[in-house]
PDB file of all heavy atoms in Angstrom:
ATOM      1  N   GLY A   1       0.805  -1.191  -0.005  1.00  0.00           N
ATOM      2  CA  GLY A   1      -0.023   0.004  -0.003  1.00  0.00           C
ATOM      3  C   GLY A   1       0.839   1.267   0.016  1.00  0.00           C
ATOM      4  O   GLY A   1       0.534   2.271  -0.685  1.00  0.00           O
ATOM      5  N   ILE A   2       1.943   1.211   0.737  1.00  0.00           N
ATOM      6  CA  ILE A   2       2.883   2.361   0.766  1.00  0.00           C
ATOM      7  C   ILE A   2       3.558   2.497  -0.570  1.00  0.00           C
ATOM      8  O   ILE A   2       3.715   3.601  -1.076  1.00  0.00           O
ATOM      9  CB  ILE A   2       3.910   2.170   1.904  1.00  0.00           C
ATOM     10  CG1 ILE A   2       3.228   2.187   3.231  1.00  0.00           C
ATOM     11  CG2 ILE A   2       4.962   3.254   1.812  1.00  0.00           C
ATOM     12  CD1 ILE A   2       4.007   1.691   4.415  1.00  0.00           C
ATOM     13  N   THR A   3       3.849   1.350  -1.201  1.00  0.00           N
ATOM     14  CA  THR A   3       4.470   1.343  -2.556  1.00  0.00           C
ATOM     15  C   THR A   3       3.459   1.954  -3.566  1.00  0.00           C
ATOM     16  O   THR A   3       3.830   2.730  -4.424  1.00  0.00           O
ATOM     17  CB  THR A   3       4.831  -0.058  -2.985  1.00  0.00           C
ATOM     18  OG1 THR A   3       5.737  -0.579  -2.055  1.00  0.00           O
ATOM     19  CG2 THR A   3       5.425  -0.087  -4.370  1.00  0.00           C
ATOM     20  N   LEU A   4       2.135   1.649  -3.447  1.00  0.00           N
ATOM     21  CA  LEU A   4       1.176   2.184  -4.362  1.00  0.00           C
ATOM     22  C   LEU A   4       1.078   3.698  -4.180  1.00  0.00           C
ATOM     23  O   LEU A   4       0.875   4.431  -5.117  1.00  0.00           O
ATOM     24  CB  LEU A   4      -0.198   1.528  -4.082  1.00  0.00           C
ATOM     25  CG  LEU A   4      -0.317   0.064  -4.457  1.00  0.00           C
ATOM     26  CD1 LEU A   4      -1.689  -0.473  -4.054  1.00  0.00           C
ATOM     27  CD2 LEU A   4      -0.066  -0.148  -5.935  1.00  0.00           C
ATOM     28  N   LEU A   5       1.185   4.186  -2.923  1.00  0.00           N
ATOM     29  CA  LEU A   5       1.174   5.566  -2.644  1.00  0.00           C
ATOM     30  C   LEU A   5       2.334   6.292  -3.329  1.00  0.00           C
ATOM     31  O   LEU A   5       2.148   7.309  -4.020  1.00  0.00           O
ATOM     32  CB  LEU A   5       1.235   5.825  -1.112  1.00  0.00           C
ATOM     33  CG  LEU A   5       1.304   7.287  -0.666  1.00  0.00           C
ATOM     34  CD1 LEU A   5       0.022   8.020  -1.080  1.00  0.00           C
ATOM     35  CD2 LEU A   5       1.501   7.334   0.840  1.00  0.00           C
ATOM     36  N   ALA A   6       3.530   5.685  -3.245  1.00  0.00           N
ATOM     37  CA  ALA A   6       4.697   6.286  -3.867  1.00  0.00           C
ATOM     38  C   ALA A   6       4.592   6.241  -5.378  1.00  0.00           C
ATOM     39  O   ALA A   6       4.904   7.206  -6.072  1.00  0.00           O
ATOM     40  CB  ALA A   6       5.944   5.533  -3.413  1.00  0.00           C
ATOM     41  N   ALA A   7       4.086   5.144  -5.935  1.00  0.00           N
ATOM     42  CA  ALA A   7       3.916   5.027  -7.356  1.00  0.00           C
ATOM     43  C   ALA A   7       2.922   6.031  -7.876  1.00  0.00           C
ATOM     44  O   ALA A   7       3.088   6.609  -8.977  1.00  0.00           O
ATOM     45  CB  ALA A   7       3.489   3.627  -7.744  1.00  0.00           C
ATOM     46  N   GLU A   8       1.843   6.241  -7.152  1.00  0.00           N
ATOM     47  CA  GLU A   8       0.829   7.211  -7.562  1.00  0.00           C
ATOM     48  C   GLU A   8       1.424   8.624  -7.610  1.00  0.00           C
ATOM     49  O   GLU A   8       1.101   9.396  -8.531  1.00  0.00           O
ATOM     50  CB  GLU A   8      -0.351   7.184  -6.576  1.00  0.00           C
ATOM     51  CG  GLU A   8      -1.485   8.154  -6.910  1.00  0.00           C
ATOM     52  CD  GLU A   8      -2.576   8.094  -5.928  1.00  0.00           C
ATOM     53  OE1 GLU A   8      -2.337   8.419  -4.763  1.00  0.00           O
ATOM     54  OE2 GLU A   8      -3.727   7.754  -6.315  1.00  0.00           O
ATOM     55  N   GLN A   9       2.302   8.944  -6.709  1.00  0.00           N
ATOM     56  CA  GLN A   9       2.888  10.268  -6.677  1.00  0.00           C
ATOM     57  C   GLN A   9       3.989  10.516  -7.719  1.00  0.00           C
ATOM     58  O   GLN A   9       4.280  11.630  -8.066  1.00  0.00           O
ATOM     59  CB  GLN A   9       3.400  10.556  -5.255  1.00  0.00           C
ATOM     60  CG  GLN A   9       2.356  10.644  -4.246  1.00  0.00           C
ATOM     61  CD  GLN A   9       2.857  10.757  -2.796  1.00  0.00           C
ATOM     62  OE1 GLN A   9       4.022  10.659  -2.568  1.00  0.00           O
ATOM     63  NE2 GLN A   9       1.919  10.935  -1.864  1.00  0.00           N
ATOM     64  N   THR A  10       4.575   9.370  -8.159  1.00  0.00           N
ATOM     65  CA  THR A  10       5.648   9.538  -9.161  1.00  0.00           C
ATOM     66  C   THR A  10       5.174   9.148 -10.590  1.00  0.00           C
ATOM     67  O   THR A  10       5.067  10.001 -11.416  1.00  0.00           O
ATOM     68  CB  THR A  10       6.878   8.690  -8.761  1.00  0.00           C
ATOM     69  OG1 THR A  10       6.473   7.314  -8.601  1.00  0.00           O
ATOM     70  CG2 THR A  10       7.485   9.210  -7.503  1.00  0.00           C
ATOM     71  N   ALA A  11       4.929   7.873 -10.809  1.00  0.00           N
ATOM     72  CA  ALA A  11       4.598   7.410 -12.156  1.00  0.00           C
ATOM     73  C   ALA A  11       3.089   7.237 -12.376  1.00  0.00           C
ATOM     74  O   ALA A  11       2.685   7.150 -13.529  1.00  0.00           O
ATOM     75  CB  ALA A  11       5.272   6.034 -12.380  1.00  0.00           C
ATOM     76  N   GLY A  12       2.329   7.230 -11.349  1.00  0.00           N
ATOM     77  CA  GLY A  12       0.863   7.057 -11.511  1.00  0.00           C
ATOM     78  C   GLY A  12       0.438   5.612 -11.424  1.00  0.00           C
ATOM     79  O   GLY A  12       1.267   4.680 -11.564  1.00  0.00           O
ATOM     80  N   LEU A  13      -0.826   5.419 -11.196  1.00  0.00           N
ATOM     81  CA  LEU A  13      -1.433   4.104 -11.092  1.00  0.00           C
ATOM     82  C   LEU A  13      -2.442   3.937 -12.190  1.00  0.00           C
ATOM     83  O   LEU A  13      -3.014   4.882 -12.706  1.00  0.00           O
ATOM     84  CB  LEU A  13      -2.157   3.928  -9.739  1.00  0.00           C
ATOM     85  CG  LEU A  13      -1.318   3.926  -8.458  1.00  0.00           C
ATOM     86  CD1 LEU A  13      -2.146   3.895  -7.225  1.00  0.00           C
ATOM     87  CD2 LEU A  13      -0.352   2.701  -8.457  1.00  0.00           C
ATOM     88  N   PRO A  14      -2.674   2.659 -12.640  1.00  0.00           N
ATOM     89  CA  PRO A  14      -3.609   2.459 -13.793  1.00  0.00           C
ATOM     90  C   PRO A  14      -5.065   2.812 -13.377  1.00  0.00           C
ATOM     91  O   PRO A  14      -5.843   3.207 -14.211  1.00  0.00           O
ATOM     92  CB  PRO A  14      -3.483   1.027 -14.093  1.00  0.00           C
ATOM     93  CG  PRO A  14      -2.824   0.373 -12.942  1.00  0.00           C
ATOM     94  CD  PRO A  14      -2.039   1.431 -12.247  1.00  0.00           C
ATOM     95  N   PHE A  15      -5.359   2.705 -12.114  1.00  0.00           N
ATOM     96  CA  PHE A  15      -6.655   3.098 -11.541  1.00  0.00           C
ATOM     97  C   PHE A  15      -6.508   3.470 -10.081  1.00  0.00           C
ATOM     98  O   PHE A  15      -5.387   3.432  -9.604  1.00  0.00           O
ATOM     99  CB  PHE A  15      -7.762   2.062 -11.742  1.00  0.00           C
ATOM    100  CG  PHE A  15      -7.296   0.703 -12.091  1.00  0.00           C
ATOM    101  CD1 PHE A  15      -6.722  -0.172 -11.187  1.00  0.00           C
ATOM    102  CD2 PHE A  15      -7.455   0.215 -13.397  1.00  0.00           C
ATOM    103  CE1 PHE A  15      -6.264  -1.428 -11.512  1.00  0.00           C
ATOM    104  CE2 PHE A  15      -6.984  -1.070 -13.755  1.00  0.00           C
ATOM    105  CZ  PHE A  15      -6.434  -1.880 -12.839  1.00  0.00           C
ATOM    106  N   SER A  16      -7.576   3.770  -9.414  1.00  0.00           N
ATOM    107  CA  SER A  16      -7.476   4.207  -8.030  1.00  0.00           C
ATOM    108  C   SER A  16      -6.880   3.076  -7.136  1.00  0.00           C
ATOM    109  O   SER A  16      -6.782   1.940  -7.574  1.00  0.00           O
ATOM    110  CB  SER A  16      -8.862   4.556  -7.469  1.00  0.00           C
ATOM    111  OG  SER A  16      -9.659   3.397  -7.251  1.00  0.00           O
ATOM    112  N   VAL A  17      -6.471   3.424  -5.947  1.00  0.00           N
ATOM    113  CA  VAL A  17      -5.944   2.437  -5.013  1.00  0.00           C
ATOM    114  C   VAL A  17      -6.978   1.356  -4.792  1.00  0.00           C
ATOM    115  O   VAL A  17      -6.605   0.218  -4.586  1.00  0.00           O
ATOM    116  CB  VAL A  17      -5.459   3.072  -3.704  1.00  0.00           C
ATOM    117  CG1 VAL A  17      -6.630   3.623  -2.903  1.00  0.00           C
ATOM    118  CG2 VAL A  17      -4.667   2.106  -2.859  1.00  0.00           C
ATOM    119  N   TRP A  18      -8.280   1.728  -4.787  1.00  0.00           N
ATOM    120  CA  TRP A  18      -9.351   0.701  -4.620  1.00  0.00           C
ATOM    121  C   TRP A  18      -9.348  -0.329  -5.730  1.00  0.00           C
ATOM    122  O   TRP A  18      -9.500  -1.525  -5.504  1.00  0.00           O
ATOM    123  CB  TRP A  18     -10.701   1.392  -4.451  1.00  0.00           C
ATOM    124  CG  TRP A  18     -10.783   2.243  -3.246  1.00  0.00           C
ATOM    125  CD1 TRP A  18     -10.621   3.602  -3.163  1.00  0.00           C
ATOM    126  CD2 TRP A  18     -11.028   1.838  -1.885  1.00  0.00           C
ATOM    127  NE1 TRP A  18     -10.723   4.003  -1.824  1.00  0.00           N
ATOM    128  CE2 TRP A  18     -10.979   2.963  -1.054  1.00  0.00           C
ATOM    129  CE3 TRP A  18     -11.239   0.574  -1.317  1.00  0.00           C
ATOM    130  CZ2 TRP A  18     -11.215   2.901   0.281  1.00  0.00           C
ATOM    131  CZ3 TRP A  18     -11.459   0.508   0.053  1.00  0.00           C
ATOM    132  CH2 TRP A  18     -11.440   1.655   0.865  1.00  0.00           C
ATOM    133  N   GLY A  19      -9.160   0.120  -6.936  1.00  0.00           N
ATOM    134  CA  GLY A  19      -9.116  -0.719  -8.084  1.00  0.00           C
ATOM    135  C   GLY A  19      -7.873  -1.659  -8.036  1.00  0.00           C
ATOM    136  O   GLY A  19      -7.955  -2.820  -8.383  1.00  0.00           O
ATOM    137  N   CYS A  20      -6.738  -1.005  -7.727  1.00  0.00           N
ATOM    138  CA  CYS A  20      -5.517  -1.830  -7.540  1.00  0.00           C
ATOM    139  C   CYS A  20      -5.657  -2.891  -6.518  1.00  0.00           C
ATOM    140  O   CYS A  20      -5.316  -4.085  -6.685  1.00  0.00           O
ATOM    141  CB  CYS A  20      -4.313  -0.945  -7.237  1.00  0.00           C
ATOM    142  SG  CYS A  20      -3.901   0.205  -8.547  1.00  0.00           S
ATOM    143  N   ALA A  21      -6.216  -2.506  -5.321  1.00  0.00           N
ATOM    144  CA  ALA A  21      -6.411  -3.461  -4.188  1.00  0.00           C
ATOM    145  C   ALA A  21      -7.443  -4.525  -4.613  1.00  0.00           C
ATOM    146  O   ALA A  21      -7.239  -5.717  -4.261  1.00  0.00           O
ATOM    147  CB  ALA A  21      -6.908  -2.715  -3.008  1.00  0.00           C
ATOM    148  N   PHE A  22      -8.456  -4.174  -5.348  1.00  0.00           N
ATOM    149  CA  PHE A  22      -9.417  -5.207  -5.838  1.00  0.00           C
ATOM    150  C   PHE A  22      -8.691  -6.206  -6.695  1.00  0.00           C
ATOM    151  O   PHE A  22      -8.967  -7.428  -6.544  1.00  0.00           O
ATOM    152  CB  PHE A  22     -10.575  -4.518  -6.604  1.00  0.00           C
ATOM    153  CG  PHE A  22     -11.554  -5.517  -7.140  1.00  0.00           C
ATOM    154  CD1 PHE A  22     -12.522  -6.091  -6.323  1.00  0.00           C
ATOM    155  CD2 PHE A  22     -11.447  -5.958  -8.451  1.00  0.00           C
ATOM    156  CE1 PHE A  22     -13.391  -7.000  -6.792  1.00  0.00           C
ATOM    157  CE2 PHE A  22     -12.323  -6.928  -8.922  1.00  0.00           C
ATOM    158  CZ  PHE A  22     -13.312  -7.459  -8.104  1.00  0.00           C
ATOM    159  N   ASP A  23      -7.861  -5.788  -7.610  1.00  0.00           N
ATOM    160  CA  ASP A  23      -7.136  -6.710  -8.453  1.00  0.00           C
ATOM    161  C   ASP A  23      -6.286  -7.681  -7.659  1.00  0.00           C
ATOM    162  O   ASP A  23      -6.231  -8.876  -7.901  1.00  0.00           O
ATOM    163  CB  ASP A  23      -6.298  -5.958  -9.460  1.00  0.00           C
ATOM    164  CG  ASP A  23      -7.092  -5.336 -10.592  1.00  0.00           C
ATOM    165  OD1 ASP A  23      -8.294  -5.597 -10.686  1.00  0.00           O
ATOM    166  OD2 ASP A  23      -6.542  -4.595 -11.421  1.00  0.00           O
ATOM    167  N   ILE A  24      -5.589  -7.085  -6.648  1.00  0.00           N
ATOM    168  CA  ILE A  24      -4.722  -7.909  -5.787  1.00  0.00           C
ATOM    169  C   ILE A  24      -5.559  -8.933  -5.020  1.00  0.00           C
ATOM    170  O   ILE A  24      -5.225 -10.109  -4.960  1.00  0.00           O
ATOM    171  CB  ILE A  24      -3.913  -7.029  -4.825  1.00  0.00           C
ATOM    172  CG1 ILE A  24      -2.856  -6.172  -5.621  1.00  0.00           C
ATOM    173  CG2 ILE A  24      -3.234  -7.822  -3.707  1.00  0.00           C
ATOM    174  CD1 ILE A  24      -2.248  -5.041  -4.852  1.00  0.00           C
ATOM    175  N   GLY A  25      -6.695  -8.491  -4.498  1.00  0.00           N
ATOM    176  CA  GLY A  25      -7.598  -9.399  -3.769  1.00  0.00           C
ATOM    177  C   GLY A  25      -8.129 -10.505  -4.642  1.00  0.00           C
ATOM    178  O   GLY A  25      -8.307 -11.633  -4.246  1.00  0.00           O
ATOM    179  N   ALA A  26      -8.569 -10.100  -5.856  1.00  0.00           N
ATOM    180  CA  ALA A  26      -9.128 -11.100  -6.804  1.00  0.00           C
ATOM    181  C   ALA A  26      -8.113 -12.133  -7.213  1.00  0.00           C
ATOM    182  O   ALA A  26      -8.487 -13.328  -7.324  1.00  0.00           O
ATOM    183  CB  ALA A  26      -9.663 -10.339  -8.036  1.00  0.00           C
ATOM    184  N   VAL A  27      -6.906 -11.734  -7.452  1.00  0.00           N
ATOM    185  CA  VAL A  27      -5.858 -12.690  -7.801  1.00  0.00           C
ATOM    186  C   VAL A  27      -5.577 -13.624  -6.644  1.00  0.00           C
ATOM    187  O   VAL A  27      -5.531 -14.887  -6.839  1.00  0.00           O
ATOM    188  CB  VAL A  27      -4.510 -11.934  -8.201  1.00  0.00           C
ATOM    189  CG1 VAL A  27      -3.310 -12.887  -8.252  1.00  0.00           C
ATOM    190  CG2 VAL A  27      -4.689 -11.215  -9.514  1.00  0.00           C
ATOM    191  N   THR A  28      -5.539 -13.082  -5.444  1.00  0.00           N
ATOM    192  CA  THR A  28      -5.316 -13.951  -4.260  1.00  0.00           C
ATOM    193  C   THR A  28      -6.482 -14.915  -4.047  1.00  0.00           C
ATOM    194  O   THR A  28      -6.268 -16.094  -3.743  1.00  0.00           O
ATOM    195  CB  THR A  28      -5.136 -13.065  -3.004  1.00  0.00           C
ATOM    196  OG1 THR A  28      -4.012 -12.228  -3.233  1.00  0.00           O
ATOM    197  CG2 THR A  28      -4.928 -13.905  -1.775  1.00  0.00           C
ATOM    198  N   PHE A  29      -7.710 -14.409  -4.236  1.00  0.00           N
ATOM    199  CA  PHE A  29      -8.902 -15.305  -4.085  1.00  0.00           C
ATOM    200  C   PHE A  29      -8.826 -16.474  -5.034  1.00  0.00           C
ATOM    201  O   PHE A  29      -8.950 -17.643  -4.679  1.00  0.00           O
ATOM    202  CB  PHE A  29     -10.213 -14.544  -4.287  1.00  0.00           C
ATOM    203  CG  PHE A  29     -11.409 -15.371  -4.427  1.00  0.00           C
ATOM    204  CD1 PHE A  29     -12.017 -15.901  -3.318  1.00  0.00           C
ATOM    205  CD2 PHE A  29     -11.865 -15.708  -5.705  1.00  0.00           C
ATOM    206  CE1 PHE A  29     -13.141 -16.746  -3.467  1.00  0.00           C
ATOM    207  CE2 PHE A  29     -12.980 -16.535  -5.850  1.00  0.00           C
ATOM    208  CZ  PHE A  29     -13.651 -17.047  -4.700  1.00  0.00           C
ATOM    209  N   SER A  30      -8.523 -16.146  -6.319  1.00  0.00           N
ATOM    210  CA  SER A  30      -8.499 -17.175  -7.398  1.00  0.00           C
ATOM    211  C   SER A  30      -7.460 -18.232  -7.093  1.00  0.00           C
ATOM    212  O   SER A  30      -7.694 -19.401  -7.157  1.00  0.00           O
ATOM    213  CB  SER A  30      -8.299 -16.541  -8.723  1.00  0.00           C
ATOM    214  OG  SER A  30      -9.284 -15.645  -8.996  1.00  0.00           O
ATOM    215  N   LEU A  31      -6.253 -17.730  -6.851  1.00  0.00           N
ATOM    216  CA  LEU A  31      -5.109 -18.671  -6.647  1.00  0.00           C
ATOM    217  C   LEU A  31      -5.280 -19.505  -5.341  1.00  0.00           C
ATOM    218  O   LEU A  31      -4.957 -20.661  -5.275  1.00  0.00           O
ATOM    219  CB  LEU A  31      -3.790 -17.965  -6.590  1.00  0.00           C
ATOM    220  CG  LEU A  31      -3.367 -17.308  -7.932  1.00  0.00           C
ATOM    221  CD1 LEU A  31      -2.134 -16.466  -7.777  1.00  0.00           C
ATOM    222  CD2 LEU A  31      -3.199 -18.331  -9.026  1.00  0.00           C
ATOM    223  N   SER A  32      -5.871 -18.875  -4.266  1.00  0.00           N
ATOM    224  CA  SER A  32      -6.072 -19.569  -3.033  1.00  0.00           C
ATOM    225  C   SER A  32      -7.149 -20.661  -3.220  1.00  0.00           C
ATOM    226  O   SER A  32      -6.991 -21.764  -2.604  1.00  0.00           O
ATOM    227  CB  SER A  32      -6.525 -18.556  -1.924  1.00  0.00           C
ATOM    228  OG  SER A  32      -5.454 -17.700  -1.645  1.00  0.00           O
ATOM    229  N   LEU A  33      -8.170 -20.367  -3.956  1.00  0.00           N
ATOM    230  CA  LEU A  33      -9.227 -21.361  -4.192  1.00  0.00           C
ATOM    231  C   LEU A  33      -8.643 -22.612  -4.894  1.00  0.00           C
ATOM    232  O   LEU A  33      -8.879 -23.735  -4.575  1.00  0.00           O
ATOM    233  CB  LEU A  33     -10.371 -20.754  -4.958  1.00  0.00           C
ATOM    234  CG  LEU A  33     -11.644 -21.617  -5.097  1.00  0.00           C
ATOM    235  CD1 LEU A  33     -12.180 -22.017  -3.758  1.00  0.00           C
ATOM    236  CD2 LEU A  33     -12.707 -20.892  -5.897  1.00  0.00           C
ATOM    237  N   PHE A  34      -7.836 -22.329  -5.940  1.00  0.00           N
ATOM    238  CA  PHE A  34      -7.169 -23.397  -6.639  1.00  0.00           C
ATOM    239  C   PHE A  34      -6.246 -24.216  -5.736  1.00  0.00           C
ATOM    240  O   PHE A  34      -6.188 -25.416  -5.783  1.00  0.00           O
ATOM    241  CB  PHE A  34      -6.362 -22.788  -7.824  1.00  0.00           C
ATOM    242  CG  PHE A  34      -5.559 -23.801  -8.554  1.00  0.00           C
ATOM    243  CD1 PHE A  34      -6.120 -24.717  -9.419  1.00  0.00           C
ATOM    244  CD2 PHE A  34      -4.203 -23.901  -8.319  1.00  0.00           C
ATOM    245  CE1 PHE A  34      -5.327 -25.680 -10.103  1.00  0.00           C
ATOM    246  CE2 PHE A  34      -3.402 -24.836  -8.968  1.00  0.00           C
ATOM    247  CZ  PHE A  34      -3.985 -25.703  -9.827  1.00  0.00           C
ATOM    248  N   ALA A  35      -5.525 -23.486  -4.861  1.00  0.00           N
ATOM    249  CA  ALA A  35      -4.578 -24.148  -3.949  1.00  0.00           C
ATOM    250  C   ALA A  35      -5.268 -25.046  -2.925  1.00  0.00           C
ATOM    251  O   ALA A  35      -4.824 -26.132  -2.585  1.00  0.00           O
ATOM    252  CB  ALA A  35      -3.723 -23.108  -3.258  1.00  0.00           C
ATOM    253  N   VAL A  36      -6.465 -24.598  -2.430  1.00  0.00           N
ATOM    254  CA  VAL A  36      -7.210 -25.463  -1.480  1.00  0.00           C
ATOM    255  C   VAL A  36      -7.584 -26.735  -2.197  1.00  0.00           C
ATOM    256  O   VAL A  36      -7.445 -27.844  -1.646  1.00  0.00           O
ATOM    257  CB  VAL A  36      -8.489 -24.752  -0.986  1.00  0.00           C
ATOM    258  CG1 VAL A  36      -9.382 -25.725  -0.253  1.00  0.00           C
ATOM    259  CG2 VAL A  36      -8.117 -23.612  -0.027  1.00  0.00           C
ATOM    260  N   ALA A  37      -8.095 -26.604  -3.414  1.00  0.00           N
ATOM    261  CA  ALA A  37      -8.440 -27.869  -4.207  1.00  0.00           C
ATOM    262  C   ALA A  37      -7.273 -28.747  -4.396  1.00  0.00           C
ATOM    263  O   ALA A  37      -7.356 -29.994  -4.232  1.00  0.00           O
ATOM    264  CB  ALA A  37      -9.069 -27.446  -5.531  1.00  0.00           C
ATOM    265  N   ALA A  38      -6.113 -28.186  -4.759  1.00  0.00           N
ATOM    266  CA  ALA A  38      -4.931 -28.989  -4.918  1.00  0.00           C
ATOM    267  C   ALA A  38      -4.437 -29.649  -3.624  1.00  0.00           C
ATOM    268  O   ALA A  38      -4.132 -30.798  -3.615  1.00  0.00           O
ATOM    269  CB  ALA A  38      -3.774 -28.137  -5.528  1.00  0.00           C
TER     270      ALA A  38
END
């Protein structure tokens, strides 16, 4: 989150911090669900 803050202030983010966090959470959800099954 601190890295996202720094990136937003320098290079910018592709969307808001909420969108970035949603992507991170969605990736974790998907991979974790697969891992439980495995």
